Amino acid sequence: MIALIDYKAGNLTSVRKALAAVGAEVYTPERADDLTRARGIIVPGVGHFAATAALDDAWLQQIHRHVADGKALLGICLGMQFLYESSEEAPGLRGLGLLDGACFRLRPPAAAGLKVPHVGWNDLDLVRPETIASQIPNHSQVYFTHSYVAPVTADTVAATGHGQTFASVAQRGRVAGVQFHPEKSGDVGLQFLRNFLATVH
C-alpha cells in the first residue's frame, strides 16, 4: 500500500492515475499516524517550498521513522526538493534532510536565452546506476515545470541542464527523488514509478 501525501501543494489526480496505471494500491493519509500502514510513501508537489510547512513535526517524525524502518520513499518535483536539507526559496524552513545539500533557484546565464521557470521536455544524463533508473535509457526525455533545483551530489542518479546543471534524479538507499513529473512523462515516467514500486516491500 502506497501513501500519497496531500499537503495541498498541487493536484494529485494525475499522480493517482499514473500509479493506478502501474498497478499500485494508493491511499491518502489524513493524519501523520496513518502512515504506519504504508509500505511506501510518495511526496508529490508543485509550487513554493513554503507549502511543505503544512507537514508539521508529527508528519516529519513519521516519515523519518518510515525511512529508518527501511521502507521506500519517493519525492516528486517539490517533493524531491523536500528530501534535502533546505531551499533558498523558503530560508529558515527545513526539509527532511534525508539527502545532503540545499536547493537553489535556477539562474541560467543571460546569454543562454533560457527562461525560468524551466517548463517542458528535457533529457536525463544518467551518471550512476540505481534502482530508480532501472531500464531507463540514457538521455530519455521527461517533462519538467519548476524554478528551483537540487544540487548535484554523490546521491545524484541523473543530471539535467537548463543553463545550469542540476540533479534531476537522486537516490540514497530506498529514498529517491525525481525533479520531473513522471505522471506527465509518458512511458519513461511510468517506468520510474514501476521502479519505485519494485523497492516497496
C-alpha atoms as a PDB file:
ATOM      1  CA  MET A   1       0.000   0.000   0.000  1.00  0.00           C
ATOM      2  CA  ILE A   2       1.383   3.382  -1.064  1.00  0.00           C
ATOM      3  CA  ALA A   3       0.648   6.533   0.941  1.00  0.00           C
ATOM      4  CA  LEU A   4       0.308   9.568  -1.340  1.00  0.00           C
ATOM      5  CA  ILE A   5       0.738  12.583   0.912  1.00  0.00           C
ATOM      6  CA  ASP A   6      -1.568  15.542   0.251  1.00  0.00           C
ATOM      7  CA  TYR A   7      -0.237  18.776   1.741  1.00  0.00           C
ATOM      8  CA  LYS A   8      -2.250  20.987  -0.629  1.00  0.00           C
ATOM      9  CA  ALA A   9       0.687  21.568  -3.000  1.00  0.00           C
ATOM     10  CA  GLY A  10      -0.837  20.588  -6.311  1.00  0.00           C
ATOM     11  CA  ASN A  11      -3.470  18.377  -7.851  1.00  0.00           C
ATOM     12  CA  LEU A  12      -2.918  14.711  -7.007  1.00  0.00           C
ATOM     13  CA  THR A  13      -5.350  13.366  -9.597  1.00  0.00           C
ATOM     14  CA  SER A  14      -2.789  12.784 -12.361  1.00  0.00           C
ATOM     15  CA  VAL A  15      -0.353  11.152  -9.921  1.00  0.00           C
ATOM     16  CA  ARG A  16      -3.080   8.794  -8.701  1.00  0.00           C
ATOM     17  CA  LYS A  17      -3.957   7.879 -12.295  1.00  0.00           C
ATOM     18  CA  ALA A  18      -0.339   7.143 -13.152  1.00  0.00           C
ATOM     19  CA  LEU A  19       0.063   4.975 -10.054  1.00  0.00           C
ATOM     20  CA  ALA A  20      -3.132   3.108 -10.920  1.00  0.00           C
ATOM     21  CA  ALA A  21      -1.726   2.511 -14.411  1.00  0.00           C
ATOM     22  CA  VAL A  22       1.277   0.687 -12.920  1.00  0.00           C
ATOM     23  CA  GLY A  23      -0.868  -1.335 -10.522  1.00  0.00           C
ATOM     24  CA  ALA A  24      -0.227   0.491  -7.257  1.00  0.00           C
ATOM     25  CA  GLU A  25      -2.703   0.468  -4.383  1.00  0.00           C
ATOM     26  CA  VAL A  26      -2.839   4.027  -3.103  1.00  0.00           C
ATOM     27  CA  TYR A  27      -4.403   5.864  -0.179  1.00  0.00           C
ATOM     28  CA  THR A  28      -4.141   9.442   1.062  1.00  0.00           C
ATOM     29  CA  PRO A  29      -3.417   9.632   4.799  1.00  0.00           C
ATOM     30  CA  GLU A  30      -5.382  12.206   6.757  1.00  0.00           C
ATOM     31  CA  ARG A  31      -3.093  12.214   9.798  1.00  0.00           C
ATOM     32  CA  ALA A  32       0.576  11.514  10.341  1.00  0.00           C
ATOM     33  CA  ASP A  33      -0.082   8.265  12.199  1.00  0.00           C
ATOM     34  CA  ASP A  34      -1.965   6.971   9.131  1.00  0.00           C
ATOM     35  CA  LEU A  35       1.481   6.493   7.567  1.00  0.00           C
ATOM     36  CA  THR A  36       2.174   3.497   9.793  1.00  0.00           C
ATOM     37  CA  ARG A  37       0.344   1.131   7.432  1.00  0.00           C
ATOM     38  CA  ALA A  38       2.183   2.340   4.324  1.00  0.00           C
ATOM     39  CA  ARG A  39       4.757   0.124   2.664  1.00  0.00           C
ATOM     40  CA  GLY A  40       5.892   3.077   0.574  1.00  0.00           C
ATOM     41  CA  ILE A  41       5.372   6.847   0.694  1.00  0.00           C
ATOM     42  CA  ILE A  42       5.204   9.323  -2.166  1.00  0.00           C
ATOM     43  CA  VAL A  43       5.545  13.062  -1.522  1.00  0.00           C
ATOM     44  CA  PRO A  44       4.400  14.884  -4.690  1.00  0.00           C
ATOM     45  CA  GLY A  45       4.009  18.629  -5.035  1.00  0.00           C
ATOM     46  CA  VAL A  46       4.253  21.745  -7.163  1.00  0.00           C
ATOM     47  CA  GLY A  47       4.680  25.348  -6.148  1.00  0.00           C
ATOM     48  CA  HIS A  48       6.525  27.064  -3.328  1.00  0.00           C
ATOM     49  CA  PHE A  49       8.787  25.266  -0.843  1.00  0.00           C
ATOM     50  CA  ALA A  50       6.874  27.020   1.949  1.00  0.00           C
ATOM     51  CA  ALA A  51       3.954  24.666   1.231  1.00  0.00           C
ATOM     52  CA  THR A  52       5.924  21.904   2.953  1.00  0.00           C
ATOM     53  CA  ALA A  53       5.394  23.721   6.269  1.00  0.00           C
ATOM     54  CA  ALA A  54       1.954  22.077   6.312  1.00  0.00           C
ATOM     55  CA  LEU A  55       3.777  18.877   7.227  1.00  0.00           C
ATOM     56  CA  ASP A  56       4.440  19.541  10.895  1.00  0.00           C
ATOM     57  CA  ASP A  57       6.733  17.713  13.310  1.00  0.00           C
ATOM     58  CA  ALA A  58       4.335  14.779  13.639  1.00  0.00           C
ATOM     59  CA  TRP A  59       4.490  14.181   9.864  1.00  0.00           C
ATOM     60  CA  LEU A  60       8.261  14.652   9.761  1.00  0.00           C
ATOM     61  CA  GLN A  61       8.758  12.172  12.592  1.00  0.00           C
ATOM     62  CA  GLN A  62       6.557   9.558  10.926  1.00  0.00           C
ATOM     63  CA  ILE A  63       8.345   9.961   7.583  1.00  0.00           C
ATOM     64  CA  HIS A  64      11.741   9.632   9.280  1.00  0.00           C
ATOM     65  CA  ARG A  65      10.530   6.569  11.175  1.00  0.00           C
ATOM     66  CA  HIS A  66       9.289   5.051   7.913  1.00  0.00           C
ATOM     67  CA  VAL A  67      12.725   5.539   6.311  1.00  0.00           C
ATOM     68  CA  ALA A  68      14.542   4.276   9.417  1.00  0.00           C
ATOM     69  CA  ASP A  69      12.491   1.091   9.144  1.00  0.00           C
ATOM     70  CA  GLY A  70      13.953   0.558   5.674  1.00  0.00           C
ATOM     71  CA  LYS A  71      10.790   1.423   3.762  1.00  0.00           C
ATOM     72  CA  ALA A  72      10.665   3.240   0.420  1.00  0.00           C
ATOM     73  CA  LEU A  73      10.102   6.975  -0.076  1.00  0.00           C
ATOM     74  CA  LEU A  74       9.771   8.906  -3.353  1.00  0.00           C
ATOM     75  CA  GLY A  75       9.681  12.671  -3.755  1.00  0.00           C
ATOM     76  CA  ILE A  76       8.305  14.207  -6.967  1.00  0.00           C
ATOM     77  CA  CYS A  77       9.184  17.768  -8.083  1.00  0.00           C
ATOM     78  CA  LEU A  78       8.725  19.911  -4.939  1.00  0.00           C
ATOM     79  CA  GLY A  79       8.621  16.610  -3.050  1.00  0.00           C
ATOM     80  CA  MET A  80      12.146  15.846  -4.284  1.00  0.00           C
ATOM     81  CA  GLN A  81      13.386  19.232  -3.053  1.00  0.00           C
ATOM     82  CA  PHE A  82      11.792  18.472   0.322  1.00  0.00           C
ATOM     83  CA  LEU A  83      14.139  15.473   0.670  1.00  0.00           C
ATOM     84  CA  TYR A  84      17.092  17.866   1.023  1.00  0.00           C
ATOM     85  CA  GLU A  85      18.129  19.962   3.991  1.00  0.00           C
ATOM     86  CA  SER A  86      16.633  23.272   2.838  1.00  0.00           C
ATOM     87  CA  SER A  87      15.799  25.539  -0.090  1.00  0.00           C
ATOM     88  CA  GLU A  88      16.649  29.167  -0.692  1.00  0.00           C
ATOM     89  CA  GLU A  89      13.021  29.550  -1.792  1.00  0.00           C
ATOM     90  CA  ALA A  90      11.990  29.497   1.878  1.00  0.00           C
ATOM     91  CA  PRO A  91      15.003  30.390   4.042  1.00  0.00           C
ATOM     92  CA  GLY A  92      14.773  29.060   7.569  1.00  0.00           C
ATOM     93  CA  LEU A  93      12.327  26.279   6.697  1.00  0.00           C
ATOM     94  CA  ARG A  94      13.960  22.896   6.987  1.00  0.00           C
ATOM     95  CA  GLY A  95      13.500  19.994   4.662  1.00  0.00           C
ATOM     96  CA  LEU A  96      13.575  16.335   5.588  1.00  0.00           C
ATOM     97  CA  GLY A  97      17.377  16.270   5.464  1.00  0.00           C
ATOM     98  CA  LEU A  98      17.433  12.749   4.032  1.00  0.00           C
ATOM     99  CA  LEU A  99      19.698  13.935   1.207  1.00  0.00           C
ATOM    100  CA  ASP A 100      22.586  16.362   1.670  1.00  0.00           C
ATOM    101  CA  GLY A 101      22.529  19.887   0.334  1.00  0.00           C
ATOM    102  CA  ALA A 102      20.329  22.912  -0.196  1.00  0.00           C
ATOM    103  CA  CYS A 103      18.080  23.568  -3.189  1.00  0.00           C
ATOM    104  CA  PHE A 104      18.533  26.769  -5.176  1.00  0.00           C
ATOM    105  CA  ARG A 105      16.875  28.852  -7.894  1.00  0.00           C
ATOM    106  CA  LEU A 106      17.880  28.236 -11.491  1.00  0.00           C
ATOM    107  CA  ARG A 107      19.859  31.229 -12.779  1.00  0.00           C
ATOM    108  CA  PRO A 108      20.876  30.485 -16.366  1.00  0.00           C
ATOM    109  CA  PRO A 109      23.334  32.948 -17.903  1.00  0.00           C
ATOM    110  CA  ALA A 110      21.568  35.781 -19.728  1.00  0.00           C
ATOM    111  CA  ALA A 111      23.456  34.888 -22.896  1.00  0.00           C
ATOM    112  CA  ALA A 112      21.808  31.456 -22.905  1.00  0.00           C
ATOM    113  CA  GLY A 113      18.393  32.994 -23.583  1.00  0.00           C
ATOM    114  CA  LEU A 114      16.670  30.461 -21.336  1.00  0.00           C
ATOM    115  CA  LYS A 115      13.561  31.205 -19.300  1.00  0.00           C
ATOM    116  CA  VAL A 116      12.756  30.336 -15.694  1.00  0.00           C
ATOM    117  CA  PRO A 117      10.549  28.523 -14.792  1.00  0.00           C
ATOM    118  CA  HIS A 118      12.037  25.633 -16.713  1.00  0.00           C
ATOM    119  CA  VAL A 119       8.947  24.195 -18.405  1.00  0.00           C
ATOM    120  CA  GLY A 120       8.850  21.408 -20.956  1.00  0.00           C
ATOM    121  CA  TRP A 121      10.729  18.331 -22.076  1.00  0.00           C
ATOM    122  CA  ASN A 122      14.398  17.832 -21.324  1.00  0.00           C
ATOM    123  CA  ASP A 123      16.742  14.894 -21.126  1.00  0.00           C
ATOM    124  CA  LEU A 124      18.253  12.856 -18.318  1.00  0.00           C
ATOM    125  CA  ASP A 125      22.009  12.356 -18.266  1.00  0.00           C
ATOM    126  CA  LEU A 126      22.405   9.197 -16.214  1.00  0.00           C
ATOM    127  CA  VAL A 127      25.534   9.499 -14.087  1.00  0.00           C
ATOM    128  CA  ARG A 128      25.303   6.353 -11.958  1.00  0.00           C
ATOM    129  CA  PRO A 129      23.170   3.213 -11.899  1.00  0.00           C
ATOM    130  CA  GLU A 130      20.450   2.970  -9.278  1.00  0.00           C
ATOM    131  CA  THR A 131      17.199   1.034  -8.959  1.00  0.00           C
ATOM    132  CA  ILE A 132      15.015   4.106  -9.519  1.00  0.00           C
ATOM    133  CA  ALA A 133      16.510   4.429 -13.027  1.00  0.00           C
ATOM    134  CA  SER A 134      16.419   0.738 -13.925  1.00  0.00           C
ATOM    135  CA  GLN A 135      15.597   0.145 -17.623  1.00  0.00           C
ATOM    136  CA  ILE A 136      15.701   3.883 -18.348  1.00  0.00           C
ATOM    137  CA  PRO A 137      17.757   4.662 -21.474  1.00  0.00           C
ATOM    138  CA  ASN A 138      20.309   7.437 -21.131  1.00  0.00           C
ATOM    139  CA  HIS A 139      19.096  10.818 -22.436  1.00  0.00           C
ATOM    140  CA  SER A 140      15.441   9.861 -22.057  1.00  0.00           C
ATOM    141  CA  GLN A 141      13.105  12.849 -22.324  1.00  0.00           C
ATOM    142  CA  VAL A 142      10.888  13.760 -19.368  1.00  0.00           C
ATOM    143  CA  TYR A 143       8.619  16.686 -18.524  1.00  0.00           C
ATOM    144  CA  PHE A 144       9.667  19.454 -16.128  1.00  0.00           C
ATOM    145  CA  THR A 145       7.994  22.506 -14.639  1.00  0.00           C
ATOM    146  CA  HIS A 146       9.999  24.205 -11.867  1.00  0.00           C
ATOM    147  CA  SER A 147      12.231  27.121 -10.907  1.00  0.00           C
ATOM    148  CA  TYR A 148      14.208  25.575  -8.044  1.00  0.00           C
ATOM    149  CA  VAL A 149      16.522  22.596  -8.204  1.00  0.00           C
ATOM    150  CA  ALA A 150      18.634  20.252  -6.128  1.00  0.00           C
ATOM    151  CA  PRO A 151      22.431  20.280  -6.295  1.00  0.00           C
ATOM    152  CA  VAL A 152      24.490  17.583  -7.976  1.00  0.00           C
ATOM    153  CA  THR A 153      25.940  15.450  -5.172  1.00  0.00           C
ATOM    154  CA  ALA A 154      27.007  11.867  -4.548  1.00  0.00           C
ATOM    155  CA  ASP A 155      23.289  10.968  -4.400  1.00  0.00           C
ATOM    156  CA  THR A 156      22.638  12.163  -7.956  1.00  0.00           C
ATOM    157  CA  VAL A 157      21.496   9.441 -10.354  1.00  0.00           C
ATOM    158  CA  ALA A 158      20.736  11.706 -13.327  1.00  0.00           C
ATOM    159  CA  ALA A 159      21.524  15.318 -14.115  1.00  0.00           C
ATOM    160  CA  THR A 160      19.815  17.770 -16.464  1.00  0.00           C
ATOM    161  CA  GLY A 161      20.928  21.098 -17.859  1.00  0.00           C
ATOM    162  CA  HIS A 162      18.976  24.327 -18.210  1.00  0.00           C
ATOM    163  CA  GLY A 163      21.737  26.895 -18.282  1.00  0.00           C
ATOM    164  CA  GLN A 164      22.935  25.183 -15.098  1.00  0.00           C
ATOM    165  CA  THR A 165      23.313  21.512 -14.309  1.00  0.00           C
ATOM    166  CA  PHE A 166      21.085  20.165 -11.549  1.00  0.00           C
ATOM    167  CA  ALA A 167      20.104  16.823 -10.051  1.00  0.00           C
ATOM    168  CA  SER A 168      17.020  15.588 -11.871  1.00  0.00           C
ATOM    169  CA  VAL A 169      17.027  12.129 -10.223  1.00  0.00           C
ATOM    170  CA  ALA A 170      18.560  11.232  -6.872  1.00  0.00           C
ATOM    171  CA  GLN A 171      18.624   8.153  -4.680  1.00  0.00           C
ATOM    172  CA  ARG A 172      20.141   7.061  -1.386  1.00  0.00           C
ATOM    173  CA  GLY A 173      19.072   3.568  -0.391  1.00  0.00           C
ATOM    174  CA  ARG A 174      15.292   3.414  -0.615  1.00  0.00           C
ATOM    175  CA  VAL A 175      14.914   7.184  -0.606  1.00  0.00           C
ATOM    176  CA  ALA A 176      14.584   8.583  -4.144  1.00  0.00           C
ATOM    177  CA  GLY A 177      13.522  11.795  -5.819  1.00  0.00           C
ATOM    178  CA  VAL A 178      12.692  12.949  -9.336  1.00  0.00           C
ATOM    179  CA  GLN A 179      12.556  16.635 -10.250  1.00  0.00           C
ATOM    180  CA  PHE A 180      10.413  15.984 -13.315  1.00  0.00           C
ATOM    181  CA  HIS A 181       6.796  14.836 -13.322  1.00  0.00           C
ATOM    182  CA  PRO A 182       6.648  11.087 -14.030  1.00  0.00           C
ATOM    183  CA  GLU A 183       2.866  11.294 -14.353  1.00  0.00           C
ATOM    184  CA  LYS A 184       3.357  13.635 -17.345  1.00  0.00           C
ATOM    185  CA  SER A 185       6.371  11.876 -18.868  1.00  0.00           C
ATOM    186  CA  GLY A 186       4.781   9.027 -20.802  1.00  0.00           C
ATOM    187  CA  ASP A 187       6.260   5.544 -20.744  1.00  0.00           C
ATOM    188  CA  VAL A 188       9.532   6.743 -19.230  1.00  0.00           C
ATOM    189  CA  GLY A 189       7.693   8.304 -16.309  1.00  0.00           C
ATOM    190  CA  LEU A 190       5.661   5.151 -15.745  1.00  0.00           C
ATOM    191  CA  GLN A 191       8.860   3.100 -15.704  1.00  0.00           C
ATOM    192  CA  PHE A 192      10.221   5.299 -12.907  1.00  0.00           C
ATOM    193  CA  LEU A 193       7.049   4.611 -10.918  1.00  0.00           C
ATOM    194  CA  ARG A 194       7.382   0.866 -11.587  1.00  0.00           C
ATOM    195  CA  ASN A 195      10.972   1.039 -10.379  1.00  0.00           C
ATOM    196  CA  PHE A 196       9.857   2.719  -7.183  1.00  0.00           C
ATOM    197  CA  LEU A 197       7.187   0.082  -6.597  1.00  0.00           C
ATOM    198  CA  ALA A 198       9.858  -2.603  -7.041  1.00  0.00           C
ATOM    199  CA  THR A 199      11.636  -1.213  -3.945  1.00  0.00           C
ATOM    200  CA  VAL A 200       8.481  -1.404  -1.820  1.00  0.00           C
ATOM    201  CA  HIS A 201       8.405  -4.432   0.479  1.00  0.00           C
END
